[in-house]
Protein backbone atom coordinates (compact mmCIF):
# COMPACT_ATOMS: atom_id res chain seq x y z
CA MET A 1 129.50 139.64 65.26
CA THR A 2 132.03 137.61 67.20
CA PRO A 3 134.52 136.11 64.73
CA THR A 4 135.17 132.42 64.36
CA PHE A 5 138.54 131.42 65.79
CA GLY A 6 140.78 128.68 64.43
CA LEU A 7 144.21 127.26 65.21
CA ILE A 8 146.87 125.75 62.94
CA ILE A 9 149.76 123.82 64.45
CA ILE A 10 152.70 123.13 62.14
CA GLY A 11 155.60 120.73 62.51
CA ASP A 12 156.76 117.20 61.77
CA GLU A 13 157.69 116.79 65.43
CA ILE A 14 154.00 116.99 66.35
CA MET A 15 152.85 114.66 63.60
CA SER A 16 155.49 112.05 64.49
CA GLY A 17 154.74 112.17 68.20
CA LYS A 18 158.26 113.35 69.03
CA ARG A 19 156.63 116.27 70.81
CA GLN A 20 153.14 116.54 72.24
CA ASP A 21 151.05 119.53 71.26
CA LYS A 22 150.54 121.97 74.12
CA HIS A 23 149.15 124.83 72.08
CA MET A 24 145.53 123.74 71.71
CA PRO A 25 144.73 123.41 75.46
CA LYS A 26 146.52 126.70 76.19
CA VAL A 27 144.72 128.59 73.43
CA ILE A 28 141.40 127.20 74.70
CA GLU A 29 142.36 128.43 78.18
CA LEU A 30 143.29 131.91 76.92
CA MET A 31 140.11 132.24 74.90
CA THR A 32 137.80 130.84 77.58
CA ALA A 33 139.15 133.41 80.03
CA ARG A 34 137.93 136.06 77.60
CA GLY A 35 134.55 134.51 76.89
CA LEU A 36 135.64 133.32 73.44
CA SER A 37 135.77 129.84 71.97
CA LEU A 38 137.99 127.93 69.59
CA THR A 39 135.97 126.46 66.70
CA TRP A 40 138.49 124.44 64.72
CA VAL A 41 142.07 123.13 64.78
CA GLU A 42 144.29 121.74 62.01
CA TYR A 43 147.62 119.94 62.34
CA VAL A 44 150.05 119.83 59.43
CA GLY A 45 153.61 118.57 59.03
CA ASP A 46 156.52 120.37 57.38
CA SER A 47 155.25 119.90 53.82
CA PRO A 48 155.27 123.22 51.91
CA GLU A 49 152.44 122.10 49.66
CA ARG A 50 150.19 121.11 52.57
CA ILE A 51 151.07 124.19 54.59
CA THR A 52 150.26 126.44 51.62
CA ALA A 53 146.92 124.68 51.05
CA THR A 54 146.04 124.89 54.74
CA LEU A 55 146.87 128.60 54.90
CA ALA A 56 144.97 129.31 51.68
CA ARG A 57 141.83 127.82 53.29
CA ALA A 58 142.44 129.87 56.43
CA PHE A 59 142.79 133.13 54.48
CA ALA A 60 139.67 132.36 52.44
CA SER A 61 137.60 131.50 55.51
CA GLY A 62 137.31 134.98 56.95
CA ASP A 63 138.14 133.49 60.34
CA VAL A 64 140.65 134.69 62.93
CA VAL A 65 143.38 132.07 62.95
CA PHE A 66 146.51 131.54 65.02
CA SER A 67 149.30 129.61 63.32
CA CYS A 68 152.03 128.13 65.54
CA GLY A 69 155.39 127.00 64.22
CA GLY A 70 157.67 127.09 61.21
CA ILE A 71 158.48 130.82 61.08
CA GLY A 72 162.20 130.47 61.76
CA ALA A 73 165.00 130.58 59.19
CA THR A 74 166.18 126.96 59.06
CA PRO A 75 165.61 124.72 56.00
CA ASP A 76 162.61 122.98 57.61
CA ASP A 77 160.83 126.27 58.36
CA HIS A 78 158.41 126.94 55.49
CA THR A 79 155.56 128.91 57.01
CA ARG A 80 156.62 132.41 55.97
CA GLN A 81 157.15 131.36 52.36
CA CYS A 82 153.91 129.36 52.29
CA ALA A 83 151.94 132.32 53.64
CA GLY A 84 153.23 134.44 50.77
CA LYS A 85 152.26 131.77 48.22
CA ALA A 86 148.82 131.34 49.77
CA LEU A 87 148.22 135.10 49.49
CA GLY A 88 149.92 135.47 46.12
CA VAL A 89 152.25 138.20 47.36
CA PRO A 90 156.06 138.44 47.49
CA LEU A 91 158.14 138.34 50.66
CA ALA A 92 160.15 141.29 51.89
CA LEU A 93 162.21 142.21 54.93
CA HIS A 94 159.85 144.09 57.25
CA PRO A 95 161.60 147.31 58.42
CA GLU A 96 160.31 147.12 61.99
CA ALA A 97 161.12 143.42 62.19
CA GLU A 98 164.64 144.14 60.95
CA GLY A 99 165.13 146.70 63.69
CA LEU A 100 163.94 144.31 66.39
CA ILE A 101 166.11 141.46 65.12
CA ARG A 102 169.16 143.72 65.02
CA GLU A 103 168.40 144.79 68.59
CA ARG A 104 168.30 141.14 69.59
CA MET A 105 171.63 140.43 67.89
CA GLN A 106 173.22 143.41 69.67
CA ASP A 107 171.82 142.23 72.99
CA THR A 108 173.21 138.75 72.39
CA ALA A 109 176.66 140.08 71.48
CA LYS A 110 176.68 142.21 74.64
CA GLU A 111 175.65 139.22 76.79
CA GLN A 112 178.47 137.16 75.26
CA GLY A 113 181.02 139.96 75.64
CA VAL A 114 181.80 140.13 71.93
CA THR A 115 181.55 142.83 69.29
CA TYR A 116 178.34 142.99 67.27
CA GLU A 117 179.19 142.41 63.61
CA PRO A 118 176.11 143.23 61.51
CA ASP A 119 177.65 141.98 58.25
CA ARG A 120 178.78 138.62 59.61
CA ALA A 121 177.16 135.81 57.61
CA ASP A 122 175.18 134.30 60.47
CA ASN A 123 173.83 137.71 61.50
CA VAL A 124 172.77 138.49 57.95
CA HIS A 125 171.03 135.11 57.80
CA ARG A 126 169.10 135.86 61.00
CA LEU A 127 167.40 138.76 59.23
CA ASN A 128 165.47 136.15 57.23
CA MET A 129 163.30 135.74 60.31
CA GLY A 130 161.91 139.19 59.51
CA VAL A 131 161.12 138.40 55.88
CA PHE A 132 157.30 138.33 55.73
CA PRO A 133 154.62 138.57 53.05
CA GLN A 134 154.31 142.16 51.91
CA GLY A 135 151.68 144.07 53.85
CA SER A 136 152.19 142.10 57.07
CA ASP A 137 151.93 143.62 60.52
CA ILE A 138 154.35 142.43 63.17
CA ILE A 139 153.53 140.71 66.45
CA ARG A 140 156.00 141.66 69.13
CA ASN A 141 157.77 138.87 70.97
CA PRO A 142 158.43 139.73 74.63
CA TYR A 143 160.74 136.74 75.08
CA ASN A 144 163.53 137.50 72.61
CA LYS A 145 162.24 140.34 70.36
CA ILE A 146 162.11 138.12 67.22
CA PRO A 147 158.63 139.05 65.96
CA GLY A 148 155.79 137.09 64.49
CA PHE A 149 153.48 138.57 61.87
CA THR A 150 149.85 139.02 60.87
CA CYS A 151 148.39 138.77 57.38
CA THR A 152 144.84 139.71 56.43
CA GLY A 153 142.84 137.59 54.01
CA ALA A 154 140.53 138.81 51.25
CA GLN A 155 137.45 137.91 53.33
CA GLY A 156 138.49 140.15 56.19
CA GLY A 157 139.80 137.51 58.55
CA ALA A 158 143.40 137.34 59.68
CA VAL A 159 146.07 134.74 60.31
CA HIS A 160 148.45 135.52 63.16
CA PHE A 161 151.78 133.70 62.88
CA VAL A 162 153.76 132.94 66.03
CA PRO A 163 156.69 130.62 66.82
CA GLY A 164 156.25 127.02 67.86
CA PHE A 165 157.90 127.58 71.24
CA PRO A 166 155.18 127.93 73.91
CA VAL A 167 157.24 130.41 75.97
CA MET A 168 157.09 132.78 73.00
CA ALA A 169 153.83 131.81 71.32
CA TRP A 170 151.47 132.04 74.29
CA PRO A 171 152.24 135.64 75.36
CA MET A 172 152.09 136.68 71.69
CA ILE A 173 148.67 135.07 71.20
CA GLU A 174 147.45 136.68 74.39
CA SER A 175 148.62 140.11 73.26
CA VAL A 176 146.88 139.70 69.89
CA LEU A 177 143.62 138.74 71.58
CA ASP A 178 143.79 141.71 73.94
CA SER A 179 144.87 144.30 71.38
CA ARG A 180 142.71 143.26 68.41
CA TYR A 181 139.65 141.42 69.69
CA ALA A 182 138.78 142.91 73.08
CA GLN A 183 135.48 144.23 71.69
CA HIS A 184 134.36 140.61 71.27
CA PHE A 185 135.14 139.48 74.81
CA GLN A 186 132.05 138.14 76.54
CA LYS A 187 131.57 139.56 80.01
CA ASN A 188 128.70 137.21 80.90
CA VAL A 189 129.81 133.76 81.94
CA GLN A 190 128.09 130.87 80.18
CA LEU A 191 126.58 127.99 82.10
CA GLU A 192 127.14 124.35 81.20
CA LYS A 193 124.79 121.98 83.01
CA SER A 194 124.62 118.25 82.36
CA VAL A 195 123.71 114.89 83.83
CA ILE A 196 125.32 111.47 83.59
CA ILE A 197 122.94 108.94 82.02
CA LEU A 198 123.94 105.35 82.65
CA GLY A 199 123.73 102.69 79.95
CA ALA A 200 121.74 104.79 77.44
CA MET A 201 122.12 104.96 73.66
CA GLU A 202 122.63 108.27 71.85
CA SER A 203 120.04 107.35 69.25
CA THR A 204 117.41 107.24 72.00
CA LEU A 205 118.35 110.71 73.23
CA THR A 206 118.71 112.45 69.86
CA PRO A 207 115.02 113.44 69.43
CA PHE A 208 115.02 115.08 72.86
CA MET A 209 118.22 116.96 72.05
CA GLU A 210 116.81 118.25 68.76
CA SER A 211 113.56 119.33 70.39
CA ILE A 212 115.25 121.25 73.22
CA GLU A 213 117.67 123.03 70.90
CA ALA A 214 114.82 124.02 68.55
CA GLN A 215 112.79 125.45 71.44
CA HIS A 216 115.66 127.35 73.06
CA PRO A 217 117.57 129.52 70.56
CA GLY A 218 121.04 130.40 71.78
CA VAL A 219 121.35 127.24 73.88
CA LYS A 220 123.50 124.36 72.65
CA VAL A 221 122.56 120.79 73.57
CA PHE A 222 125.42 118.28 73.72
CA SER A 223 126.06 114.61 74.40
CA LEU A 224 129.41 113.11 75.31
CA PRO A 225 129.45 109.29 75.29
CA SER A 226 131.94 107.07 77.09
CA VAL A 227 132.25 103.28 77.06
CA ASP A 228 134.84 102.57 79.74
CA HIS A 229 134.69 105.23 82.45
CA PRO A 230 136.31 103.86 85.66
CA GLN A 231 133.41 105.06 87.83
CA TRP A 232 130.32 105.14 85.64
CA GLY A 233 131.12 102.55 82.96
CA ARG A 234 129.21 103.02 79.70
CA HIS A 235 127.36 106.31 79.95
CA ILE A 236 126.42 109.54 78.20
CA GLU A 237 126.91 113.02 79.60
CA LEU A 238 123.89 114.93 78.31
CA GLY A 239 123.55 118.63 78.86
CA VAL A 240 123.10 122.21 77.70
CA LYS A 241 125.28 125.30 77.60
CA GLY A 242 124.61 128.97 77.00
CA ASP A 243 123.48 132.10 78.79
CA PRO A 244 122.90 131.06 82.42
CA ALA A 245 119.23 132.04 82.53
CA LEU A 246 118.42 130.41 79.20
CA ALA A 247 120.47 127.30 79.95
CA GLU A 248 118.73 126.77 83.30
CA VAL A 249 115.30 126.80 81.66
CA ALA A 250 116.44 124.50 78.85
CA TYR A 251 117.99 122.06 81.31
CA VAL A 252 114.84 121.80 83.42
CA GLN A 253 112.85 121.04 80.28
CA LEU A 254 115.44 118.52 79.11
CA ARG A 255 115.28 116.61 82.40
CA GLY A 256 111.50 116.66 82.30
CA SER A 257 111.47 115.34 78.75
CA LEU A 258 113.63 112.37 79.74
CA GLU A 259 111.32 111.17 82.52
CA SER A 260 109.31 108.94 80.18
CA LEU A 261 112.41 106.88 79.34
CA ASN A 262 112.91 105.42 82.82
CA LEU A 263 116.66 106.04 82.72
CA SER A 264 119.31 105.51 85.39
CA TYR A 265 121.23 108.62 86.32
CA GLY A 266 124.60 109.50 87.76
CA PRO A 267 125.52 112.94 89.13
CA GLU A 268 124.61 116.33 87.72
CA LEU A 269 127.56 118.45 86.57
CA VAL A 270 127.63 122.25 86.58
CA ARG A 271 130.40 124.36 85.09
CA ASN A 272 130.79 128.05 84.31
CA ILE A 273 132.65 128.61 81.05
C-alpha cells in the first residue's frame, strides 16, 4: 500500500510571519511529480513541549513524515532533542554524521586559508549537529555535508528530519523520496476534471457528490467554493479526480445528474496530476 505522507514545519519565524513558508508548495510539487500526494501538514513554533507532542503523534501514526527546521545547534533549535523524547531514546553523536561534519569543518578551514583545529571550542560545538536519537539513519546534505536524520516509529512509519533552509531541505527530501519510496511512485497520471457552477450552494450539490463517489470507487469528488472571484464571482468548482478512464466516466455522470437543477455554468477545467 502507498503510505500516507505528512509534513511538519517548525519555527517561530513561520508562526510570527517573519518568514513565509515555502516548504509545503515545494513538497507538493516534488510528490506530485512522482504520483504521490501530501495528506497533512502541521506548523509548530519553537516550543519544545509542542514539538515533542507533534513528533510523538507523527511517530505513532505510521505515516511517512518530513520535518523541516530546528535541527541546528543553537539554543532555539530543539528538534533533535524533542525527537529523542518523543521516541523515548537517548541522543548520541552519530559516527557517520561526525565524519561528515568534520569534513565540512576541514573544507571551511581550507576555504578560509586557516588551519583546521578539531579541538577548538566552536568546532567541538558544531559536532552537536550530528547528535541524533540512537538508531537514526543519516540523510546526506549535498549543500554543505551537514546531515539530517531519519527515525522510525513503532508503527513502521518514519520521520525524516531536514534543515529549515530550502536550498538544503528540498534536495534532501527529493533524495529520500527517490531512495526509499520509489516503489510507491505512480506511473499513471491522474485526471482532474471539473466545471465552474455559478451562484450555486454546496448544500444543493452534496447529494450528487455523495452519489457519484459511492458509484465510482477510486474516484474522488470535490467542491471548491469561492465568494469573490474576479471573473466568476460567487461560484463552486465541482469535479472529480482519479484514474483517467474512471474519472471520465464519473464526470459524464456527474454532469448528467446536475441537469435537473437548471444551473448556470462557467468553463470546464481539465488537469493532469
